[in-house]
């Protein structure tokens, strides 16, 4: 079971899908960019302050609030972490980050070798951000360790199914991978990008060869 500490070990990026050679991969979208995109995901906070009575806070992404002590409200992840760091709120764990729910997801992932359970598109990035912000305060020491271990187990099962599914691409006209998350799509993009680039080069060479063949035939014909 993972430790419930909130130090560097708890905030390390254990959600890496890219292995030890991540720095050498030319990824279209970097893991840090995915985490940036995930900052717009809504989470629930319980403020301990008031903001001009019933006024909302206007932002580019919309109006958020009102902020009243002990009154839950939904805000973007970036705002939640900012308020939490200033000790202005308590972050409520998202419903899908419940240990019992994640255990059910893990069991279903293991039961089916051809399908993926529905999870938020940025579930890995949201979890990574919340785990970085004093996770024992949000999840409790014991709850944090259990949830962290379950998410890592789910990640590994899904990664294995992705690998197994991609090995069968050569024998199928289409490949169906529903309910993939952002990091998982990013992983597949690496393979498909290289494969499509290679296919394009082969197609281009084949077209040039056919044109050269037609030109050779036309020149050999008598006038």
C-alpha atoms as a PDB file:
ATOM      1  CA  UNK A   1       0.000   0.000   0.000  1.00  0.00           C
ATOM      2  CA  UNK A   2       1.332   3.466  -0.872  1.00  0.00           C
ATOM      3  CA  UNK A   3       2.410   5.795   1.855  1.00  0.00           C
ATOM      4  CA  UNK A   4       0.032   8.526   2.929  1.00  0.00           C
ATOM      5  CA  UNK A   5       2.716  11.207   3.084  1.00  0.00           C
ATOM      6  CA  UNK A   6       2.317  14.448   1.180  1.00  0.00           C
ATOM      7  CA  UNK A   7       6.017  14.926   0.388  1.00  0.00           C
ATOM      8  CA  UNK A   8       7.830  14.644  -2.951  1.00  0.00           C
ATOM      9  CA  UNK A   9       7.180  10.901  -3.188  1.00  0.00           C
ATOM     10  CA  UNK A  10       3.410  11.419  -3.169  1.00  0.00           C
ATOM     11  CA  UNK A  11       3.557  14.076  -5.893  1.00  0.00           C
ATOM     12  CA  UNK A  12       5.855  12.239  -8.308  1.00  0.00           C
ATOM     13  CA  UNK A  13       4.370  11.607 -11.736  1.00  0.00           C
ATOM     14  CA  UNK A  14       3.559   7.931 -11.321  1.00  0.00           C
ATOM     15  CA  UNK A  15       0.970   8.265 -14.095  1.00  0.00           C
ATOM     16  CA  UNK A  16       3.626   8.294 -16.832  1.00  0.00           C
ATOM     17  CA  UNK A  17       2.538   6.244 -19.845  1.00  0.00           C
ATOM     18  CA  UNK A  18       5.744   6.888 -21.681  1.00  0.00           C
ATOM     19  CA  UNK A  19       8.352   4.886 -19.773  1.00  0.00           C
ATOM     20  CA  UNK A  20      11.913   5.804 -18.867  1.00  0.00           C
ATOM     21  CA  UNK A  21      12.666   7.240 -22.312  1.00  0.00           C
ATOM     22  CA  UNK A  22       9.934   9.891 -22.132  1.00  0.00           C
ATOM     23  CA  UNK A  23      12.378  12.751 -22.585  1.00  0.00           C
ATOM     24  CA  UNK A  24      13.523  11.355 -25.947  1.00  0.00           C
ATOM     25  CA  UNK A  25      10.047  10.867 -27.395  1.00  0.00           C
ATOM     26  CA  UNK A  26       8.788  13.524 -29.801  1.00  0.00           C
ATOM     27  CA  UNK A  27       5.267  13.720 -28.412  1.00  0.00           C
ATOM     28  CA  UNK A  28       2.707  15.912 -30.158  1.00  0.00           C
ATOM     29  CA  UNK A  29       1.242  16.816 -26.771  1.00  0.00           C
ATOM     30  CA  UNK A  30       3.480  16.670 -23.707  1.00  0.00           C
ATOM     31  CA  UNK A  31       2.153  15.254 -20.408  1.00  0.00           C
ATOM     32  CA  UNK A  32       2.585  18.718 -18.873  1.00  0.00           C
ATOM     33  CA  UNK A  33       0.316  20.168 -21.562  1.00  0.00           C
ATOM     34  CA  UNK A  34      -2.366  17.600 -20.811  1.00  0.00           C
ATOM     35  CA  UNK A  35      -2.206  18.552 -17.154  1.00  0.00           C
ATOM     36  CA  UNK A  36      -2.565  22.203 -18.173  1.00  0.00           C
ATOM     37  CA  UNK A  37      -5.701  21.390 -20.184  1.00  0.00           C
ATOM     38  CA  UNK A  38      -7.098  19.488 -17.209  1.00  0.00           C
ATOM     39  CA  UNK A  39      -6.965  22.625 -15.070  1.00  0.00           C
ATOM     40  CA  UNK A  40     -10.329  23.637 -16.550  1.00  0.00           C
ATOM     41  CA  UNK A  41     -12.062  20.562 -15.128  1.00  0.00           C
ATOM     42  CA  UNK A  42     -14.599  21.445 -12.423  1.00  0.00           C
ATOM     43  CA  UNK A  43     -14.163  20.278  -8.844  1.00  0.00           C
ATOM     44  CA  UNK A  44     -16.144  21.068  -5.698  1.00  0.00           C
ATOM     45  CA  UNK A  45     -14.665  23.225  -2.945  1.00  0.00           C
ATOM     46  CA  UNK A  46     -15.986  24.228   0.466  1.00  0.00           C
ATOM     47  CA  UNK A  47     -14.896  27.848   1.063  1.00  0.00           C
ATOM     48  CA  UNK A  48     -14.158  29.306   4.496  1.00  0.00           C
ATOM     49  CA  UNK A  49     -14.597  32.921   3.349  1.00  0.00           C
ATOM     50  CA  UNK A  50     -17.247  35.234   1.924  1.00  0.00           C
ATOM     51  CA  UNK A  51     -17.004  37.134  -1.344  1.00  0.00           C
ATOM     52  CA  UNK A  52     -19.329  40.146  -1.491  1.00  0.00           C
ATOM     53  CA  UNK A  53     -22.395  38.311  -0.325  1.00  0.00           C
ATOM     54  CA  UNK A  54     -23.915  36.407  -3.257  1.00  0.00           C
ATOM     55  CA  UNK A  55     -21.527  37.753  -5.920  1.00  0.00           C
ATOM     56  CA  UNK A  56     -19.808  35.379  -8.315  1.00  0.00           C
ATOM     57  CA  UNK A  57     -16.220  35.619  -9.485  1.00  0.00           C
ATOM     58  CA  UNK A  58     -16.066  36.466 -13.231  1.00  0.00           C
ATOM     59  CA  UNK A  59     -13.390  34.584 -15.182  1.00  0.00           C
ATOM     60  CA  UNK A  60     -12.675  33.947 -18.863  1.00  0.00           C
ATOM     61  CA  UNK A  61     -14.185  30.473 -18.519  1.00  0.00           C
ATOM     62  CA  UNK A  62     -17.367  31.759 -16.852  1.00  0.00           C
ATOM     63  CA  UNK A  63     -18.642  33.018 -13.522  1.00  0.00           C
ATOM     64  CA  UNK A  64     -17.900  30.924 -10.438  1.00  0.00           C
ATOM     65  CA  UNK A  65     -19.379  31.123  -6.992  1.00  0.00           C
ATOM     66  CA  UNK A  66     -20.958  32.470  -4.909  1.00  0.00           C
ATOM     67  CA  UNK A  67     -18.433  31.877  -2.134  1.00  0.00           C
ATOM     68  CA  UNK A  68     -19.907  31.473   1.320  1.00  0.00           C
ATOM     69  CA  UNK A  69     -18.405  29.641   4.328  1.00  0.00           C
ATOM     70  CA  UNK A  70     -19.290  25.913   4.369  1.00  0.00           C
ATOM     71  CA  UNK A  71     -21.323  26.217   1.157  1.00  0.00           C
ATOM     72  CA  UNK A  72     -19.949  23.867  -1.557  1.00  0.00           C
ATOM     73  CA  UNK A  73     -19.449  25.371  -5.009  1.00  0.00           C
ATOM     74  CA  UNK A  74     -17.916  24.153  -8.266  1.00  0.00           C
ATOM     75  CA  UNK A  75     -14.792  25.868  -9.608  1.00  0.00           C
ATOM     76  CA  UNK A  76     -12.058  24.993 -12.126  1.00  0.00           C
ATOM     77  CA  UNK A  77      -9.236  22.855 -10.826  1.00  0.00           C
ATOM     78  CA  UNK A  78      -6.724  25.711 -11.093  1.00  0.00           C
ATOM     79  CA  UNK A  79      -8.889  27.932  -8.876  1.00  0.00           C
ATOM     80  CA  UNK A  80      -9.450  25.136  -6.385  1.00  0.00           C
ATOM     81  CA  UNK A  81      -5.719  24.531  -5.965  1.00  0.00           C
ATOM     82  CA  UNK A  82      -5.026  28.268  -5.711  1.00  0.00           C
ATOM     83  CA  UNK A  83      -7.632  28.733  -2.968  1.00  0.00           C
ATOM     84  CA  UNK A  84      -6.476  25.571  -1.206  1.00  0.00           C
ATOM     85  CA  UNK A  85      -2.860  26.751  -1.175  1.00  0.00           C
ATOM     86  CA  UNK A  86      -4.009  30.002   0.424  1.00  0.00           C
ATOM     87  CA  UNK A  87      -6.007  28.017   2.983  1.00  0.00           C
ATOM     88  CA  UNK A  88      -9.236  29.532   1.722  1.00  0.00           C
ATOM     89  CA  UNK A  89     -11.086  26.285   1.027  1.00  0.00           C
ATOM     90  CA  UNK A  90     -11.222  22.531   1.368  1.00  0.00           C
ATOM     91  CA  UNK A  91     -11.328  20.475  -1.827  1.00  0.00           C
ATOM     92  CA  UNK A  92     -13.931  17.734  -1.970  1.00  0.00           C
ATOM     93  CA  UNK A  93     -12.696  14.597  -3.747  1.00  0.00           C
ATOM     94  CA  UNK A  94     -14.520  14.041  -7.070  1.00  0.00           C
ATOM     95  CA  UNK A  95     -17.158  11.334  -6.899  1.00  0.00           C
ATOM     96  CA  UNK A  96     -15.215   9.045  -9.216  1.00  0.00           C
ATOM     97  CA  UNK A  97     -12.215   9.156  -6.829  1.00  0.00           C
ATOM     98  CA  UNK A  98     -14.117   7.140  -4.263  1.00  0.00           C
ATOM     99  CA  UNK A  99     -12.187   3.995  -3.247  1.00  0.00           C
ATOM    100  CA  UNK A 100     -15.242   1.752  -3.571  1.00  0.00           C
ATOM    101  CA  UNK A 101     -16.032   3.104  -7.039  1.00  0.00           C
ATOM    102  CA  UNK A 102     -12.418   2.719  -8.204  1.00  0.00           C
ATOM    103  CA  UNK A 103     -12.336  -0.846  -6.906  1.00  0.00           C
ATOM    104  CA  UNK A 104     -15.386  -1.594  -9.049  1.00  0.00           C
ATOM    105  CA  UNK A 105     -13.711   0.024 -12.069  1.00  0.00           C
ATOM    106  CA  UNK A 106     -10.577  -2.047 -11.499  1.00  0.00           C
ATOM    107  CA  UNK A 107     -12.563  -5.283 -11.201  1.00  0.00           C
ATOM    108  CA  UNK A 108     -14.430  -4.548 -14.446  1.00  0.00           C
ATOM    109  CA  UNK A 109     -11.216  -3.593 -16.251  1.00  0.00           C
ATOM    110  CA  UNK A 110      -9.700  -6.954 -15.324  1.00  0.00           C
ATOM    111  CA  UNK A 111     -12.870  -8.852 -16.191  1.00  0.00           C
ATOM    112  CA  UNK A 112     -13.041  -7.564 -19.780  1.00  0.00           C
ATOM    113  CA  UNK A 113     -10.049  -7.768 -22.072  1.00  0.00           C
ATOM    114  CA  UNK A 114     -11.695  -5.870 -24.936  1.00  0.00           C
ATOM    115  CA  UNK A 115     -13.404  -2.861 -23.337  1.00  0.00           C
ATOM    116  CA  UNK A 116     -12.470   0.088 -21.142  1.00  0.00           C
ATOM    117  CA  UNK A 117     -14.512   1.438 -18.267  1.00  0.00           C
ATOM    118  CA  UNK A 118     -15.728   5.066 -18.554  1.00  0.00           C
ATOM    119  CA  UNK A 119     -13.601   7.520 -16.582  1.00  0.00           C
ATOM    120  CA  UNK A 120     -13.186  11.302 -16.916  1.00  0.00           C
ATOM    121  CA  UNK A 121     -11.101  12.201 -19.963  1.00  0.00           C
ATOM    122  CA  UNK A 122      -8.472  13.865 -17.768  1.00  0.00           C
ATOM    123  CA  UNK A 123      -8.761  11.504 -14.823  1.00  0.00           C
ATOM    124  CA  UNK A 124      -5.004  10.914 -14.593  1.00  0.00           C
ATOM    125  CA  UNK A 125      -4.134  14.601 -14.791  1.00  0.00           C
ATOM    126  CA  UNK A 126      -6.814  15.641 -12.284  1.00  0.00           C
ATOM    127  CA  UNK A 127      -5.657  12.974  -9.846  1.00  0.00           C
ATOM    128  CA  UNK A 128      -2.037  14.039 -10.308  1.00  0.00           C
ATOM    129  CA  UNK A 129      -2.928  17.668  -9.520  1.00  0.00           C
ATOM    130  CA  UNK A 130      -4.990  16.795  -6.457  1.00  0.00           C
ATOM    131  CA  UNK A 131      -2.323  14.433  -5.141  1.00  0.00           C
ATOM    132  CA  UNK A 132       0.217  17.219  -5.401  1.00  0.00           C
ATOM    133  CA  UNK A 133      -1.829  19.575  -3.187  1.00  0.00           C
ATOM    134  CA  UNK A 134      -1.517  18.018   0.294  1.00  0.00           C
ATOM    135  CA  UNK A 135      -3.522  14.874  -0.573  1.00  0.00           C
ATOM    136  CA  UNK A 136      -3.922  13.750   3.037  1.00  0.00           C
ATOM    137  CA  UNK A 137      -5.948  16.909   3.661  1.00  0.00           C
ATOM    138  CA  UNK A 138      -8.315  16.063   0.803  1.00  0.00           C
ATOM    139  CA  UNK A 139      -8.452  12.265   0.977  1.00  0.00           C
ATOM    140  CA  UNK A 140      -7.163  11.414   4.453  1.00  0.00           C
ATOM    141  CA  UNK A 141      -3.931   9.492   5.042  1.00  0.00           C
ATOM    142  CA  UNK A 142      -5.418   6.028   4.612  1.00  0.00           C
ATOM    143  CA  UNK A 143      -7.808   7.039   1.844  1.00  0.00           C
ATOM    144  CA  UNK A 144      -5.047   8.675  -0.177  1.00  0.00           C
ATOM    145  CA  UNK A 145      -2.893   5.553  -0.168  1.00  0.00           C
ATOM    146  CA  UNK A 146      -5.781   3.300  -1.176  1.00  0.00           C
ATOM    147  CA  UNK A 147      -7.017   5.596  -3.955  1.00  0.00           C
ATOM    148  CA  UNK A 148      -3.516   6.124  -5.281  1.00  0.00           C
ATOM    149  CA  UNK A 149      -2.843   2.380  -5.421  1.00  0.00           C
ATOM    150  CA  UNK A 150      -6.171   1.700  -7.146  1.00  0.00           C
ATOM    151  CA  UNK A 151      -5.551   4.356  -9.795  1.00  0.00           C
ATOM    152  CA  UNK A 152      -2.097   2.952 -10.475  1.00  0.00           C
ATOM    153  CA  UNK A 153      -3.556  -0.563 -10.764  1.00  0.00           C
ATOM    154  CA  UNK A 154      -6.231   0.700 -13.178  1.00  0.00           C
ATOM    155  CA  UNK A 155      -3.587   2.517 -15.207  1.00  0.00           C
ATOM    156  CA  UNK A 156      -1.522  -0.653 -15.591  1.00  0.00           C
ATOM    157  CA  UNK A 157      -4.491  -2.820 -16.611  1.00  0.00           C
ATOM    158  CA  UNK A 158      -5.635  -0.305 -19.218  1.00  0.00           C
ATOM    159  CA  UNK A 159      -2.090   0.114 -20.541  1.00  0.00           C
ATOM    160  CA  UNK A 160      -1.794  -3.649 -20.981  1.00  0.00           C
ATOM    161  CA  UNK A 161      -5.104  -3.768 -22.875  1.00  0.00           C
ATOM    162  CA  UNK A 162      -3.982  -0.944 -25.149  1.00  0.00           C
ATOM    163  CA  UNK A 163      -0.779  -2.823 -25.971  1.00  0.00           C
ATOM    164  CA  UNK A 164      -2.700  -6.029 -26.609  1.00  0.00           C
ATOM    165  CA  UNK A 165      -5.232  -4.243 -28.805  1.00  0.00           C
ATOM    166  CA  UNK A 166      -2.621  -2.492 -30.923  1.00  0.00           C
ATOM    167  CA  UNK A 167      -0.834  -5.770 -31.610  1.00  0.00           C
ATOM    168  CA  UNK A 168      -3.985  -6.916 -33.433  1.00  0.00           C
ATOM    169  CA  UNK A 169      -4.236  -3.897 -35.717  1.00  0.00           C
ATOM    170  CA  UNK A 170      -2.446  -5.661 -38.567  1.00  0.00           C
ATOM    171  CA  UNK A 171      -5.214  -8.273 -38.694  1.00  0.00           C
ATOM    172  CA  UNK A 172      -8.155  -5.865 -38.538  1.00  0.00           C
ATOM    173  CA  UNK A 173      -9.653  -3.247 -40.849  1.00  0.00           C
ATOM    174  CA  UNK A 174     -10.598  -1.061 -37.876  1.00  0.00           C
ATOM    175  CA  UNK A 175      -9.667  -0.879 -34.225  1.00  0.00           C
ATOM    176  CA  UNK A 176     -12.166   0.088 -31.552  1.00  0.00           C
ATOM    177  CA  UNK A 177     -10.880   1.600 -28.308  1.00  0.00           C
ATOM    178  CA  UNK A 178     -13.721   3.347 -26.495  1.00  0.00           C
ATOM    179  CA  UNK A 179     -13.500   5.328 -23.241  1.00  0.00           C
ATOM    180  CA  UNK A 180      -9.796   6.125 -23.548  1.00  0.00           C
ATOM    181  CA  UNK A 181      -8.424   9.004 -21.477  1.00  0.00           C
ATOM    182  CA  UNK A 182      -6.261  11.889 -22.701  1.00  0.00           C
ATOM    183  CA  UNK A 183      -2.945  10.305 -21.683  1.00  0.00           C
ATOM    184  CA  UNK A 184      -3.969   7.013 -23.282  1.00  0.00           C
ATOM    185  CA  UNK A 185      -4.924   8.722 -26.557  1.00  0.00           C
ATOM    186  CA  UNK A 186      -1.596  10.519 -26.456  1.00  0.00           C
ATOM    187  CA  UNK A 187       0.210   7.216 -26.141  1.00  0.00           C
ATOM    188  CA  UNK A 188      -1.602   5.719 -29.136  1.00  0.00           C
ATOM    189  CA  UNK A 189      -0.951   8.878 -31.140  1.00  0.00           C
ATOM    190  CA  UNK A 190       2.778   8.206 -30.878  1.00  0.00           C
ATOM    191  CA  UNK A 191       2.425   4.837 -32.606  1.00  0.00           C
ATOM    192  CA  UNK A 192      -0.178   5.881 -35.141  1.00  0.00           C
ATOM    193  CA  UNK A 193       1.698   9.027 -36.121  1.00  0.00           C
ATOM    194  CA  UNK A 194       4.811   7.030 -36.970  1.00  0.00           C
ATOM    195  CA  UNK A 195       2.782   4.367 -38.759  1.00  0.00           C
ATOM    196  CA  UNK A 196       0.842   6.901 -40.838  1.00  0.00           C
ATOM    197  CA  UNK A 197       4.006   8.794 -41.727  1.00  0.00           C
ATOM    198  CA  UNK A 198       5.543   5.521 -42.917  1.00  0.00           C
ATOM    199  CA  UNK A 199       2.384   4.627 -44.864  1.00  0.00           C
ATOM    200  CA  UNK A 200       2.441   8.065 -46.524  1.00  0.00           C
ATOM    201  CA  UNK A 201       6.037   7.592 -47.626  1.00  0.00           C
ATOM    202  CA  UNK A 202       5.225   4.158 -49.063  1.00  0.00           C
ATOM    203  CA  UNK A 203       2.188   5.561 -50.875  1.00  0.00           C
ATOM    204  CA  UNK A 204       4.222   8.454 -52.278  1.00  0.00           C
ATOM    205  CA  UNK A 205       6.948   6.106 -53.477  1.00  0.00           C
ATOM    206  CA  UNK A 206       4.376   3.777 -55.014  1.00  0.00           C
ATOM    207  CA  UNK A 207       2.779   6.671 -56.902  1.00  0.00           C
ATOM    208  CA  UNK A 208       6.175   7.806 -58.210  1.00  0.00           C
ATOM    209  CA  UNK A 209       6.964   4.238 -59.303  1.00  0.00           C
ATOM    210  CA  UNK A 210       3.668   3.939 -61.211  1.00  0.00           C
ATOM    211  CA  UNK A 211       4.215   7.277 -62.959  1.00  0.00           C
ATOM    212  CA  UNK A 212       7.731   6.225 -63.906  1.00  0.00           C
ATOM    213  CA  UNK A 213       6.409   2.899 -65.242  1.00  0.00           C
ATOM    214  CA  UNK A 214       3.741   4.628 -67.366  1.00  0.00           C
ATOM    215  CA  UNK A 215       6.324   7.033 -68.739  1.00  0.00           C
ATOM    216  CA  UNK A 216       8.618   4.136 -69.645  1.00  0.00           C
ATOM    217  CA  UNK A 217       5.807   2.302 -71.438  1.00  0.00           C
ATOM    218  CA  UNK A 218       4.791   5.381 -73.462  1.00  0.00           C
ATOM    219  CA  UNK A 219       8.389   6.006 -74.577  1.00  0.00           C
ATOM    220  CA  UNK A 220       8.817   2.400 -75.735  1.00  0.00           C
ATOM    221  CA  UNK A 221       5.724   2.469 -77.953  1.00  0.00           C
ATOM    222  CA  UNK A 222       6.368   3.019 -81.714  1.00  0.00           C
ATOM    223  CA  UNK A 223       5.218   6.256 -83.327  1.00  0.00           C
END
